[in-house]
PDB file of N, CA and C in Angstrom:
ATOM      1  N   ASN A   1     -47.014  28.993  10.151  1.00  0.00           N
ATOM      2  CA  ASN A   1     -46.518  28.046   9.134  1.00  0.00           C
ATOM      3  C   ASN A   1     -45.283  27.300   9.651  1.00  0.00           C
ATOM      4  N   LEU A   2     -44.793  26.369   8.830  1.00  0.00           N
ATOM      5  CA  LEU A   2     -43.680  25.525   9.276  1.00  0.00           C
ATOM      6  C   LEU A   2     -42.420  26.366   9.501  1.00  0.00           C
ATOM      7  N   SER A   3     -42.114  27.266   8.576  1.00  0.00           N
ATOM      8  CA  SER A   3     -40.893  28.066   8.701  1.00  0.00           C
ATOM      9  C   SER A   3     -40.990  29.019   9.890  1.00  0.00           C
ATOM     10  N   SER A   4     -42.168  29.588  10.123  1.00  0.00           N
ATOM     11  CA  SER A   4     -42.311  30.499  11.259  1.00  0.00           C
ATOM     12  C   SER A   4     -42.225  29.737  12.575  1.00  0.00           C
ATOM     13  N   GLN A   5     -42.735  28.474  12.604  1.00  0.00           N
ATOM     14  CA  GLN A   5     -42.602  27.675  13.820  1.00  0.00           C
ATOM     15  C   GLN A   5     -41.137  27.386  14.106  1.00  0.00           C
ATOM     16  N   GLY A   6     -40.355  27.106  13.073  1.00  0.00           N
ATOM     17  CA  GLY A   6     -38.929  26.864  13.259  1.00  0.00           C
ATOM     18  C   GLY A   6     -38.233  28.106  13.783  1.00  0.00           C
ATOM     19  N   LEU A   7     -38.644  29.270  13.278  1.00  0.00           N
ATOM     20  CA  LEU A   7     -38.050  30.522  13.730  1.00  0.00           C
ATOM     21  C   LEU A   7     -38.389  30.777  15.193  1.00  0.00           C
ATOM     22  N   VAL A   8     -39.639  30.514  15.564  1.00  0.00           N
ATOM     23  CA  VAL A   8     -40.060  30.686  16.951  1.00  0.00           C
ATOM     24  C   VAL A   8     -39.287  29.740  17.864  1.00  0.00           C
ATOM     25  N   ALA A   9     -39.132  28.478  17.435  1.00  0.00           N
ATOM     26  CA  ALA A   9     -38.391  27.515  18.251  1.00  0.00           C
ATOM     27  C   ALA A   9     -36.943  27.962  18.423  1.00  0.00           C
ATOM     28  N   CYS A  10     -36.362  28.503  17.363  1.00  0.00           N
ATOM     29  CA  CYS A  10     -34.986  28.981  17.437  1.00  0.00           C
ATOM     30  C   CYS A  10     -34.889  30.170  18.401  1.00  0.00           C
ATOM     31  N   SER A  11     -35.838  31.088  18.309  1.00  0.00           N
ATOM     32  CA  SER A  11     -35.831  32.252  19.189  1.00  0.00           C
ATOM     33  C   SER A  11     -36.002  31.840  20.645  1.00  0.00           C
ATOM     34  N   VAL A  12     -36.895  30.854  20.890  1.00  0.00           N
ATOM     35  CA  VAL A  12     -37.119  30.381  22.256  1.00  0.00           C
ATOM     36  C   VAL A  12     -35.846  29.761  22.820  1.00  0.00           C
ATOM     37  N   SER A  13     -35.159  28.959  22.000  1.00  0.00           N
ATOM     38  CA  SER A  13     -33.930  28.322  22.491  1.00  0.00           C
ATOM     39  C   SER A  13     -32.851  29.368  22.774  1.00  0.00           C
ATOM     40  N   VAL A  14     -32.804  30.422  21.959  1.00  0.00           N
ATOM     41  CA  VAL A  14     -31.839  31.503  22.205  1.00  0.00           C
ATOM     42  C   VAL A  14     -32.193  32.234  23.491  1.00  0.00           C
ATOM     43  N   LEU A  15     -33.481  32.512  23.693  1.00  0.00           N
ATOM     44  CA  LEU A  15     -33.895  33.178  24.929  1.00  0.00           C
ATOM     45  C   LEU A  15     -33.570  32.320  26.145  1.00  0.00           C
ATOM     46  N   LEU A  16     -33.817  31.002  26.042  1.00  0.00           N
ATOM     47  CA  LEU A  16     -33.506  30.110  27.159  1.00  0.00           C
ATOM     48  C   LEU A  16     -32.006  30.098  27.435  1.00  0.00           C
ATOM     49  N   SER A  17     -31.199  30.152  26.384  1.00  0.00           N
ATOM     50  CA  SER A  17     -29.750  30.150  26.599  1.00  0.00           C
ATOM     51  C   SER A  17     -29.304  31.455  27.257  1.00  0.00           C
ATOM     52  N   TYR A  18     -30.030  32.557  26.993  1.00  0.00           N
ATOM     53  CA  TYR A  18     -29.696  33.804  27.674  1.00  0.00           C
ATOM     54  C   TYR A  18     -30.120  33.770  29.141  1.00  0.00           C
ATOM     55  N   TYR A  19     -31.313  33.176  29.400  1.00  0.00           N
ATOM     56  CA  TYR A  19     -31.809  33.147  30.774  1.00  0.00           C
ATOM     57  C   TYR A  19     -31.012  32.180  31.643  1.00  0.00           C
ATOM     58  N   PHE A  20     -30.657  30.985  31.071  1.00  0.00           N
ATOM     59  CA  PHE A  20     -30.010  29.944  31.873  1.00  0.00           C
ATOM     60  C   PHE A  20     -28.570  29.681  31.487  1.00  0.00           C
TER      61      PHE A  20
END
């Protein structure tokens, strides 16, 4: 759903900030 996609996008950006 829309809210879960936003949550996934937020989690991905957090993971990317941890990796890079």
